[in-house]
Amino acid sequence: MTTVSPDTGVGPLLRGWRELRRISQLDLALRADSSARHVSFIETGRSRPSEEMILRLAEHLDIPVRERNALLVVAGYAPRYPQTPLDDPAMASVREGLDRLLAGYEPYPALVVDGTYDVVAANRGIALLMEGIPEELLVPPLNAMRITLHPAGLAPRILNLREWRADLLAQMERQIALVRSPELRTLYEEVAAYPVEDRGAGGEDADGVGTGADAGSGGRGRERTPSFALPLVIEHEGRVLSFIASIATFNTPMDVTVAELAIETFLPADRETAAYLRERLP
């Protein structure tokens, strides 16, 4: 849950968000149909904003809904956005929709994670990639970051681990800057401390693709991975698989749980990877 110091007023919190977004008081006032003077008075504590004004400013600052609740509480108002457990009957349509989406993406891997990267749903493509991972890492709740970067998880199989790890850690850092989550900070410190194996000269080639895979199983002669996005290059049963990842979220969520769900899909980056998955998961 978000934690806010009781000594922190709504004004300084809003100013912090405005400065994070690099928006001037005048620009924010124009967007929120207010005045720079009024925004200044709110930020310095000279004026107590209404509930509607807080929500209006939060919308134009693109503040996550969990943090909007925190702003309202600090200002003396009740939280506006509920946080409904995903197993609540009211979430049945959300769960069913996610299950259909993941199943429809097969045989390619796809999963859904919450705000701390715990896996709430995954398809058979993900299960295929996780084959052979030790049971202790698969004890619920499964955590996507932990499974990916742990030395006993997927990390030894990722042929461009340093690049992929750096990208994941940067993603977590950006999220931590937006959400004051002790759980997320603890997870970051844990996975950032995992040792990274030095593969040496034979581990990766200049493109970050492992050269140790069998030449007849996709290690050579395959089409070049597109350079428009960082690929996940992973070895599975002697085959080199390459994916381009994308992340989707819900548009204009009105519930904290839904707002923090992220759907991550892995699109095959070459024909060999696509063919292999279709063969394994017909």
C-alpha atoms as a PDB file:
ATOM      1  CA  MET A   1       0.000   0.000   0.000  1.00  0.00           C
ATOM      2  CA  THR A   2       1.069   3.599  -0.541  1.00  0.00           C
ATOM      3  CA  THR A   3       2.526   5.260   2.543  1.00  0.00           C
ATOM      4  CA  VAL A   4       2.462   9.021   3.088  1.00  0.00           C
ATOM      5  CA  SER A   5       4.048  10.912   5.955  1.00  0.00           C
ATOM      6  CA  PRO A   6       1.389  12.608   8.107  1.00  0.00           C
ATOM      7  CA  ASP A   7       3.508  15.774   8.062  1.00  0.00           C
ATOM      8  CA  THR A   8       3.326  16.003   4.282  1.00  0.00           C
ATOM      9  CA  GLY A   9       0.573  18.303   3.082  1.00  0.00           C
ATOM     10  CA  VAL A  10      -1.338  17.954  -0.146  1.00  0.00           C
ATOM     11  CA  GLY A  11       0.318  21.120  -1.482  1.00  0.00           C
ATOM     12  CA  PRO A  12       3.921  19.847  -1.375  1.00  0.00           C
ATOM     13  CA  LEU A  13       2.786  16.506  -2.777  1.00  0.00           C
ATOM     14  CA  LEU A  14       1.105  18.192  -5.736  1.00  0.00           C
ATOM     15  CA  ARG A  15       4.140  20.405  -6.269  1.00  0.00           C
ATOM     16  CA  GLY A  16       6.349  17.298  -6.314  1.00  0.00           C
ATOM     17  CA  TRP A  17       4.175  15.701  -8.990  1.00  0.00           C
ATOM     18  CA  ARG A  18       4.134  18.898 -11.037  1.00  0.00           C
ATOM     19  CA  GLU A  19       7.918  19.173 -10.900  1.00  0.00           C
ATOM     20  CA  LEU A  20       8.256  15.489 -11.775  1.00  0.00           C
ATOM     21  CA  ARG A  21       6.116  16.090 -14.865  1.00  0.00           C
ATOM     22  CA  ARG A  22       8.101  19.259 -15.647  1.00  0.00           C
ATOM     23  CA  ILE A  23       4.996  21.391 -15.924  1.00  0.00           C
ATOM     24  CA  SER A  24       4.897  25.027 -14.814  1.00  0.00           C
ATOM     25  CA  GLN A  25       2.224  26.366 -12.463  1.00  0.00           C
ATOM     26  CA  LEU A  26       0.819  28.413 -15.336  1.00  0.00           C
ATOM     27  CA  ASP A  27       0.624  25.438 -17.708  1.00  0.00           C
ATOM     28  CA  LEU A  28      -1.052  23.299 -15.064  1.00  0.00           C
ATOM     29  CA  ALA A  29      -3.504  26.071 -14.238  1.00  0.00           C
ATOM     30  CA  LEU A  30      -4.454  26.472 -17.892  1.00  0.00           C
ATOM     31  CA  ARG A  31      -5.023  22.735 -18.292  1.00  0.00           C
ATOM     32  CA  ALA A  32      -7.102  22.553 -15.119  1.00  0.00           C
ATOM     33  CA  ASP A  33      -9.138  25.691 -15.906  1.00  0.00           C
ATOM     34  CA  SER A  34      -7.717  27.505 -12.888  1.00  0.00           C
ATOM     35  CA  SER A  35      -5.164  30.267 -12.275  1.00  0.00           C
ATOM     36  CA  ALA A  36      -1.442  30.124 -11.568  1.00  0.00           C
ATOM     37  CA  ARG A  37      -2.124  32.122  -8.395  1.00  0.00           C
ATOM     38  CA  HIS A  38      -4.570  29.496  -7.126  1.00  0.00           C
ATOM     39  CA  VAL A  39      -2.186  26.635  -7.945  1.00  0.00           C
ATOM     40  CA  SER A  40       0.584  28.489  -6.135  1.00  0.00           C
ATOM     41  CA  PHE A  41      -1.622  29.005  -3.063  1.00  0.00           C
ATOM     42  CA  ILE A  42      -2.493  25.285  -3.028  1.00  0.00           C
ATOM     43  CA  GLU A  43       1.155  24.233  -3.254  1.00  0.00           C
ATOM     44  CA  THR A  44       2.242  26.570  -0.456  1.00  0.00           C
ATOM     45  CA  GLY A  45      -0.666  25.654   1.804  1.00  0.00           C
ATOM     46  CA  ARG A  46      -2.291  29.071   1.702  1.00  0.00           C
ATOM     47  CA  SER A  47      -5.392  27.580   0.086  1.00  0.00           C
ATOM     48  CA  ARG A  48      -7.118  24.257   0.822  1.00  0.00           C
ATOM     49  CA  PRO A  49      -8.126  22.644  -2.480  1.00  0.00           C
ATOM     50  CA  SER A  50     -11.531  21.093  -2.934  1.00  0.00           C
ATOM     51  CA  GLU A  51     -11.863  17.403  -3.638  1.00  0.00           C
ATOM     52  CA  GLU A  52     -12.796  18.192  -7.234  1.00  0.00           C
ATOM     53  CA  MET A  53      -9.737  20.428  -7.670  1.00  0.00           C
ATOM     54  CA  ILE A  54      -7.387  17.725  -6.358  1.00  0.00           C
ATOM     55  CA  LEU A  55      -8.816  15.194  -8.785  1.00  0.00           C
ATOM     56  CA  ARG A  56      -8.675  17.673 -11.657  1.00  0.00           C
ATOM     57  CA  LEU A  57      -5.029  18.511 -10.991  1.00  0.00           C
ATOM     58  CA  ALA A  58      -4.199  14.831 -10.517  1.00  0.00           C
ATOM     59  CA  GLU A  59      -5.773  13.983 -13.866  1.00  0.00           C
ATOM     60  CA  HIS A  60      -3.746  16.604 -15.721  1.00  0.00           C
ATOM     61  CA  LEU A  61      -0.580  15.478 -13.911  1.00  0.00           C
ATOM     62  CA  ASP A  62      -1.305  11.861 -14.879  1.00  0.00           C
ATOM     63  CA  ILE A  63      -0.997  10.714 -11.269  1.00  0.00           C
ATOM     64  CA  PRO A  64      -1.675   6.975 -10.667  1.00  0.00           C
ATOM     65  CA  VAL A  65      -5.039   6.321  -9.027  1.00  0.00           C
ATOM     66  CA  ARG A  66      -3.450   4.868  -5.879  1.00  0.00           C
ATOM     67  CA  GLU A  67      -1.567   8.144  -5.423  1.00  0.00           C
ATOM     68  CA  ARG A  68      -4.720  10.145  -6.102  1.00  0.00           C
ATOM     69  CA  ASN A  69      -6.296   8.370  -3.134  1.00  0.00           C
ATOM     70  CA  ALA A  70      -3.253   9.330  -1.059  1.00  0.00           C
ATOM     71  CA  LEU A  71      -3.634  12.992  -2.046  1.00  0.00           C
ATOM     72  CA  LEU A  72      -7.310  12.964  -1.060  1.00  0.00           C
ATOM     73  CA  VAL A  73      -6.576  11.363   2.318  1.00  0.00           C
ATOM     74  CA  VAL A  74      -3.823  13.867   3.127  1.00  0.00           C
ATOM     75  CA  ALA A  75      -6.212  16.707   2.247  1.00  0.00           C
ATOM     76  CA  GLY A  76      -8.851  15.307   4.601  1.00  0.00           C
ATOM     77  CA  TYR A  77     -11.127  13.649   2.070  1.00  0.00           C
ATOM     78  CA  ALA A  78     -12.178  10.021   1.623  1.00  0.00           C
ATOM     79  CA  PRO A  79     -10.447   7.923  -1.050  1.00  0.00           C
ATOM     80  CA  ARG A  80     -12.266   8.040  -4.375  1.00  0.00           C
ATOM     81  CA  TYR A  81     -10.980   4.863  -6.033  1.00  0.00           C
ATOM     82  CA  PRO A  82     -11.727   1.410  -4.559  1.00  0.00           C
ATOM     83  CA  GLN A  83      -9.216  -1.434  -4.487  1.00  0.00           C
ATOM     84  CA  THR A  84     -11.172  -4.587  -5.277  1.00  0.00           C
ATOM     85  CA  PRO A  85      -9.408  -7.977  -4.974  1.00  0.00           C
ATOM     86  CA  LEU A  86      -9.120  -9.712  -8.306  1.00  0.00           C
ATOM     87  CA  ASP A  87     -10.909 -12.796  -6.920  1.00  0.00           C
ATOM     88  CA  ASP A  88     -13.924 -10.709  -5.903  1.00  0.00           C
ATOM     89  CA  PRO A  89     -17.130 -11.639  -7.795  1.00  0.00           C
ATOM     90  CA  ALA A  90     -17.299  -8.057  -9.037  1.00  0.00           C
ATOM     91  CA  MET A  91     -14.064  -8.694 -10.962  1.00  0.00           C
ATOM     92  CA  ALA A  92     -15.368 -11.790 -12.776  1.00  0.00           C
ATOM     93  CA  SER A  93     -15.625 -10.017 -16.139  1.00  0.00           C
ATOM     94  CA  VAL A  94     -12.080  -8.668 -15.800  1.00  0.00           C
ATOM     95  CA  ARG A  95     -10.681 -12.114 -15.001  1.00  0.00           C
ATOM     96  CA  GLU A  96     -12.593 -13.746 -17.846  1.00  0.00           C
ATOM     97  CA  GLY A  97     -11.436 -11.100 -20.289  1.00  0.00           C
ATOM     98  CA  LEU A  98      -7.811 -11.545 -19.264  1.00  0.00           C
ATOM     99  CA  ASP A  99      -8.056 -15.331 -19.578  1.00  0.00           C
ATOM    100  CA  ARG A 100      -9.500 -15.036 -23.089  1.00  0.00           C
ATOM    101  CA  LEU A 101      -6.796 -12.586 -24.101  1.00  0.00           C
ATOM    102  CA  LEU A 102      -3.974 -14.822 -22.843  1.00  0.00           C
ATOM    103  CA  ALA A 103      -5.457 -17.940 -24.435  1.00  0.00           C
ATOM    104  CA  GLY A 104      -5.957 -16.116 -27.719  1.00  0.00           C
ATOM    105  CA  TYR A 105      -2.277 -15.101 -27.809  1.00  0.00           C
ATOM    106  CA  GLU A 106      -1.069 -18.708 -27.618  1.00  0.00           C
ATOM    107  CA  PRO A 107       1.239 -20.269 -28.603  1.00  0.00           C
ATOM    108  CA  TYR A 108       3.193 -17.071 -27.929  1.00  0.00           C
ATOM    109  CA  PRO A 109       3.964 -16.242 -24.266  1.00  0.00           C
ATOM    110  CA  ALA A 110       1.825 -13.720 -22.365  1.00  0.00           C
ATOM    111  CA  LEU A 111       1.163 -12.965 -18.714  1.00  0.00           C
ATOM    112  CA  VAL A 112      -0.546 -10.468 -16.420  1.00  0.00           C
ATOM    113  CA  VAL A 113       1.218  -8.936 -13.410  1.00  0.00           C
ATOM    114  CA  ASP A 114       0.123  -6.599 -10.634  1.00  0.00           C
ATOM    115  CA  GLY A 115       1.846  -3.492  -9.294  1.00  0.00           C
ATOM    116  CA  THR A 116       4.626  -5.488  -7.610  1.00  0.00           C
ATOM    117  CA  TYR A 117       5.104  -7.883 -10.549  1.00  0.00           C
ATOM    118  CA  ASP A 118       3.294 -10.814  -8.959  1.00  0.00           C
ATOM    119  CA  VAL A 119       1.879 -12.999 -11.723  1.00  0.00           C
ATOM    120  CA  VAL A 120      -1.920 -13.102 -11.606  1.00  0.00           C
ATOM    121  CA  ALA A 121      -2.409 -15.028 -14.877  1.00  0.00           C
ATOM    122  CA  ALA A 122      -0.242 -16.628 -17.568  1.00  0.00           C
ATOM    123  CA  ASN A 123      -0.681 -18.781 -20.646  1.00  0.00           C
ATOM    124  CA  ARG A 124       0.944 -21.991 -21.886  1.00  0.00           C
ATOM    125  CA  GLY A 125       3.695 -20.078 -23.680  1.00  0.00           C
ATOM    126  CA  ILE A 126       4.950 -18.737 -20.363  1.00  0.00           C
ATOM    127  CA  ALA A 127       4.694 -22.197 -18.790  1.00  0.00           C
ATOM    128  CA  LEU A 128       6.845 -23.568 -21.611  1.00  0.00           C
ATOM    129  CA  LEU A 129       9.613 -21.041 -20.974  1.00  0.00           C
ATOM    130  CA  MET A 130       9.556 -21.761 -17.230  1.00  0.00           C
ATOM    131  CA  GLU A 131      10.069 -25.497 -17.614  1.00  0.00           C
ATOM    132  CA  GLY A 132      12.838 -26.698 -15.308  1.00  0.00           C
ATOM    133  CA  ILE A 133      12.736 -23.775 -12.881  1.00  0.00           C
ATOM    134  CA  PRO A 134      13.176 -24.962  -9.242  1.00  0.00           C
ATOM    135  CA  GLU A 135       9.971 -25.462  -7.278  1.00  0.00           C
ATOM    136  CA  GLU A 136      10.955 -22.923  -4.622  1.00  0.00           C
ATOM    137  CA  LEU A 137      10.737 -20.144  -7.193  1.00  0.00           C
ATOM    138  CA  LEU A 138       7.311 -21.332  -8.333  1.00  0.00           C
ATOM    139  CA  VAL A 139       5.619 -21.113  -4.933  1.00  0.00           C
ATOM    140  CA  PRO A 140       2.676 -18.683  -5.203  1.00  0.00           C
ATOM    141  CA  PRO A 141       2.615 -15.822  -5.579  1.00  0.00           C
ATOM    142  CA  LEU A 142       4.976 -16.133  -8.522  1.00  0.00           C
ATOM    143  CA  ASN A 143       6.939 -12.949  -9.103  1.00  0.00           C
ATOM    144  CA  ALA A 144       7.928 -12.163 -12.681  1.00  0.00           C
ATOM    145  CA  MET A 145      11.014 -10.125 -11.780  1.00  0.00           C
ATOM    146  CA  ARG A 146      12.271 -12.724  -9.326  1.00  0.00           C
ATOM    147  CA  ILE A 147      11.755 -15.639 -11.734  1.00  0.00           C
ATOM    148  CA  THR A 148      13.419 -13.740 -14.588  1.00  0.00           C
ATOM    149  CA  LEU A 149      16.523 -12.441 -12.786  1.00  0.00           C
ATOM    150  CA  HIS A 150      17.164 -15.076 -10.111  1.00  0.00           C
ATOM    151  CA  PRO A 151      20.367 -17.110 -10.743  1.00  0.00           C
ATOM    152  CA  ALA A 152      18.283 -20.286 -10.436  1.00  0.00           C
ATOM    153  CA  GLY A 153      15.463 -18.901 -12.584  1.00  0.00           C
ATOM    154  CA  LEU A 154      15.472 -17.796 -16.216  1.00  0.00           C
ATOM    155  CA  ALA A 155      18.642 -15.684 -15.901  1.00  0.00           C
ATOM    156  CA  PRO A 156      21.127 -18.422 -16.921  1.00  0.00           C
ATOM    157  CA  ARG A 157      19.080 -19.064 -20.066  1.00  0.00           C
ATOM    158  CA  ILE A 158      18.876 -15.410 -21.160  1.00  0.00           C
ATOM    159  CA  LEU A 159      21.669 -14.899 -23.660  1.00  0.00           C
ATOM    160  CA  ASN A 160      21.582 -11.094 -23.499  1.00  0.00           C
ATOM    161  CA  LEU A 161      21.072 -11.025 -19.721  1.00  0.00           C
ATOM    162  CA  ARG A 162      23.025  -7.843 -18.975  1.00  0.00           C
ATOM    163  CA  GLU A 163      21.016  -5.786 -21.449  1.00  0.00           C
ATOM    164  CA  TRP A 164      17.681  -7.341 -20.488  1.00  0.00           C
ATOM    165  CA  ARG A 165      18.423  -7.006 -16.754  1.00  0.00           C
ATOM    166  CA  ALA A 166      19.397  -3.345 -17.145  1.00  0.00           C
ATOM    167  CA  ASP A 167      16.153  -2.645 -19.003  1.00  0.00           C
ATOM    168  CA  LEU A 168      14.030  -4.368 -16.318  1.00  0.00           C
ATOM    169  CA  LEU A 169      15.773  -2.548 -13.468  1.00  0.00           C
ATOM    170  CA  ALA A 170      15.333   0.797 -15.234  1.00  0.00           C
ATOM    171  CA  GLN A 171      11.640  -0.009 -15.655  1.00  0.00           C
ATOM    172  CA  MET A 172      11.343  -0.673 -11.921  1.00  0.00           C
ATOM    173  CA  GLU A 173      13.199   2.549 -11.093  1.00  0.00           C
ATOM    174  CA  ARG A 174      10.741   4.574 -13.167  1.00  0.00           C
ATOM    175  CA  GLN A 175       7.842   2.902 -11.408  1.00  0.00           C
ATOM    176  CA  ILE A 176       9.334   3.507  -7.945  1.00  0.00           C
ATOM    177  CA  ALA A 177       9.662   7.195  -8.803  1.00  0.00           C
ATOM    178  CA  LEU A 178       5.896   7.325  -9.415  1.00  0.00           C
ATOM    179  CA  VAL A 179       4.575   5.065  -6.647  1.00  0.00           C
ATOM    180  CA  ARG A 180       5.751   5.162  -3.027  1.00  0.00           C
ATOM    181  CA  SER A 181       5.623   1.406  -2.523  1.00  0.00           C
ATOM    182  CA  PRO A 182       7.849  -0.183   0.143  1.00  0.00           C
ATOM    183  CA  GLU A 183       7.101  -3.613  -1.346  1.00  0.00           C
ATOM    184  CA  LEU A 184       8.303  -2.537  -4.781  1.00  0.00           C
ATOM    185  CA  ARG A 185      11.437  -0.948  -3.321  1.00  0.00           C
ATOM    186  CA  THR A 186      12.214  -4.146  -1.386  1.00  0.00           C
ATOM    187  CA  LEU A 187      11.742  -6.252  -4.518  1.00  0.00           C
ATOM    188  CA  TYR A 188      14.012  -3.930  -6.504  1.00  0.00           C
ATOM    189  CA  GLU A 189      16.778  -4.142  -3.916  1.00  0.00           C
ATOM    190  CA  GLU A 190      16.483  -7.936  -3.906  1.00  0.00           C
ATOM    191  CA  VAL A 191      16.658  -8.526  -7.665  1.00  0.00           C
ATOM    192  CA  ALA A 192      19.271  -5.806  -8.238  1.00  0.00           C
ATOM    193  CA  ALA A 193      21.555  -7.655  -5.813  1.00  0.00           C
ATOM    194  CA  TYR A 194      21.393 -10.957  -7.699  1.00  0.00           C
ATOM    195  CA  PRO A 195      24.798 -11.879  -9.145  1.00  0.00           C
ATOM    196  CA  VAL A 196      25.159 -11.690 -12.902  1.00  0.00           C
ATOM    197  CA  GLU A 197      27.074 -14.483 -14.584  1.00  0.00           C
ATOM    198  CA  ASP A 198      29.940 -13.360 -16.794  1.00  0.00           C
ATOM    199  CA  ARG A 199      29.466 -15.504 -19.884  1.00  0.00           C
ATOM    200  CA  GLY A 200      32.852 -14.591 -21.301  1.00  0.00           C
ATOM    201  CA  ALA A 201      33.850 -14.638 -24.922  1.00  0.00           C
ATOM    202  CA  GLY A 202      31.853 -17.741 -25.785  1.00  0.00           C
ATOM    203  CA  GLY A 203      28.627 -16.690 -24.120  1.00  0.00           C
ATOM    204  CA  GLU A 204      27.347 -13.926 -26.354  1.00  0.00           C
ATOM    205  CA  ASP A 205      28.193 -12.681 -29.799  1.00  0.00           C
ATOM    206  CA  ALA A 206      28.269  -9.033 -30.845  1.00  0.00           C
ATOM    207  CA  ASP A 207      24.503  -8.952 -31.236  1.00  0.00           C
ATOM    208  CA  GLY A 208      23.891 -10.356 -27.753  1.00  0.00           C
ATOM    209  CA  VAL A 209      22.836 -13.716 -29.193  1.00  0.00           C
ATOM    210  CA  GLY A 210      24.444 -16.765 -27.636  1.00  0.00           C
ATOM    211  CA  THR A 211      26.854 -18.729 -29.793  1.00  0.00           C
ATOM    212  CA  GLY A 212      26.820 -21.867 -27.713  1.00  0.00           C
ATOM    213  CA  ALA A 213      23.529 -23.205 -29.086  1.00  0.00           C
ATOM    214  CA  ASP A 214      23.546 -26.029 -31.569  1.00  0.00           C
ATOM    215  CA  ALA A 215      24.016 -24.741 -35.106  1.00  0.00           C
ATOM    216  CA  GLY A 216      21.169 -26.843 -36.391  1.00  0.00           C
ATOM    217  CA  SER A 217      18.732 -25.707 -33.718  1.00  0.00           C
ATOM    218  CA  GLY A 218      18.499 -22.012 -34.439  1.00  0.00           C
ATOM    219  CA  GLY A 219      21.914 -20.803 -33.232  1.00  0.00           C
ATOM    220  CA  ARG A 220      23.125 -19.932 -36.763  1.00  0.00           C
ATOM    221  CA  GLY A 221      21.635 -19.141 -40.101  1.00  0.00           C
ATOM    222  CA  ARG A 222      18.535 -17.597 -38.571  1.00  0.00           C
ATOM    223  CA  GLU A 223      17.220 -14.255 -39.747  1.00  0.00           C
ATOM    224  CA  ARG A 224      18.674 -11.237 -37.959  1.00  0.00           C
ATOM    225  CA  THR A 225      16.652 -10.043 -34.962  1.00  0.00           C
ATOM    226  CA  PRO A 226      14.996  -6.662 -35.668  1.00  0.00           C
ATOM    227  CA  SER A 227      16.830  -3.725 -34.087  1.00  0.00           C
ATOM    228  CA  PHE A 228      13.747  -1.551 -33.484  1.00  0.00           C
ATOM    229  CA  ALA A 229      13.424  -2.835 -29.887  1.00  0.00           C
ATOM    230  CA  LEU A 230      15.583  -4.703 -27.394  1.00  0.00           C
ATOM    231  CA  PRO A 231      14.847  -8.411 -27.820  1.00  0.00           C
ATOM    232  CA  LEU A 232      14.679 -11.069 -25.135  1.00  0.00           C
ATOM    233  CA  VAL A 233      17.035 -13.760 -26.418  1.00  0.00           C
ATOM    234  CA  ILE A 234      16.602 -16.970 -24.463  1.00  0.00           C
ATOM    235  CA  GLU A 235      17.703 -20.568 -24.883  1.00  0.00           C
ATOM    236  CA  HIS A 236      15.155 -23.345 -24.507  1.00  0.00           C
ATOM    237  CA  GLU A 237      16.154 -26.991 -24.894  1.00  0.00           C
ATOM    238  CA  GLY A 238      19.056 -26.104 -27.170  1.00  0.00           C
ATOM    239  CA  ARG A 239      17.005 -23.684 -29.287  1.00  0.00           C
ATOM    240  CA  VAL A 240      17.680 -19.943 -29.374  1.00  0.00           C
ATOM    241  CA  LEU A 241      14.378 -18.067 -29.130  1.00  0.00           C
ATOM    242  CA  SER A 242      14.008 -14.327 -29.653  1.00  0.00           C
ATOM    243  CA  PHE A 243      11.082 -12.157 -28.547  1.00  0.00           C
ATOM    244  CA  ILE A 244      10.019  -8.516 -28.625  1.00  0.00           C
ATOM    245  CA  ALA A 245       8.040  -7.620 -25.492  1.00  0.00           C
ATOM    246  CA  SER A 246       5.147  -5.185 -25.230  1.00  0.00           C
ATOM    247  CA  ILE A 247       3.156  -4.028 -22.202  1.00  0.00           C
ATOM    248  CA  ALA A 248      -0.518  -2.982 -22.162  1.00  0.00           C
ATOM    249  CA  THR A 249      -2.609  -1.448 -19.379  1.00  0.00           C
ATOM    250  CA  PHE A 250      -6.274  -0.590 -18.952  1.00  0.00           C
ATOM    251  CA  ASN A 251      -7.474   2.749 -20.285  1.00  0.00           C
ATOM    252  CA  THR A 252      -8.831   5.180 -17.645  1.00  0.00           C
ATOM    253  CA  PRO A 253      -9.102   2.671 -14.779  1.00  0.00           C
ATOM    254  CA  MET A 254     -11.401   3.506 -11.862  1.00  0.00           C
ATOM    255  CA  ASP A 255     -10.124   0.828  -9.476  1.00  0.00           C
ATOM    256  CA  VAL A 256      -6.626   0.617  -7.961  1.00  0.00           C
ATOM    257  CA  THR A 257      -6.318  -3.104  -8.668  1.00  0.00           C
ATOM    258  CA  VAL A 258      -7.228  -2.721 -12.332  1.00  0.00           C
ATOM    259  CA  ALA A 259      -5.029   0.354 -12.686  1.00  0.00           C
ATOM    260  CA  GLU A 260      -1.964  -1.606 -11.595  1.00  0.00           C
ATOM    261  CA  LEU A 261      -2.497  -4.629 -13.839  1.00  0.00           C
ATOM    262  CA  ALA A 262      -0.125  -4.931 -16.788  1.00  0.00           C
ATOM    263  CA  ILE A 263      -0.439  -7.383 -19.677  1.00  0.00           C
ATOM    264  CA  GLU A 264       2.949  -8.346 -21.090  1.00  0.00           C
ATOM    265  CA  THR A 265       3.106 -10.175 -24.397  1.00  0.00           C
ATOM    266  CA  PHE A 266       6.134 -11.630 -26.166  1.00  0.00           C
ATOM    267  CA  LEU A 267       6.025 -11.454 -29.951  1.00  0.00           C
ATOM    268  CA  PRO A 268       8.401 -13.802 -31.811  1.00  0.00           C
ATOM    269  CA  ALA A 269      11.156 -11.709 -33.356  1.00  0.00           C
ATOM    270  CA  ASP A 270      11.934 -14.232 -36.100  1.00  0.00           C
ATOM    271  CA  ARG A 271      10.305 -17.036 -38.056  1.00  0.00           C
ATOM    272  CA  GLU A 272      12.289 -19.741 -36.257  1.00  0.00           C
ATOM    273  CA  THR A 273      10.922 -18.748 -32.869  1.00  0.00           C
ATOM    274  CA  ALA A 274       7.353 -18.602 -34.166  1.00  0.00           C
ATOM    275  CA  ALA A 275       7.659 -22.003 -35.831  1.00  0.00           C
ATOM    276  CA  TYR A 276       9.143 -23.586 -32.713  1.00  0.00           C
ATOM    277  CA  LEU A 277       6.310 -22.364 -30.499  1.00  0.00           C
ATOM    278  CA  ARG A 278       3.648 -23.501 -32.956  1.00  0.00           C
ATOM    279  CA  GLU A 279       5.284 -26.926 -33.016  1.00  0.00           C
ATOM    280  CA  ARG A 280       5.487 -27.222 -29.233  1.00  0.00           C
ATOM    281  CA  LEU A 281       2.058 -25.749 -28.480  1.00  0.00           C
ATOM    282  CA  PRO A 282      -0.239 -26.723 -31.368  1.00  0.00           C
END
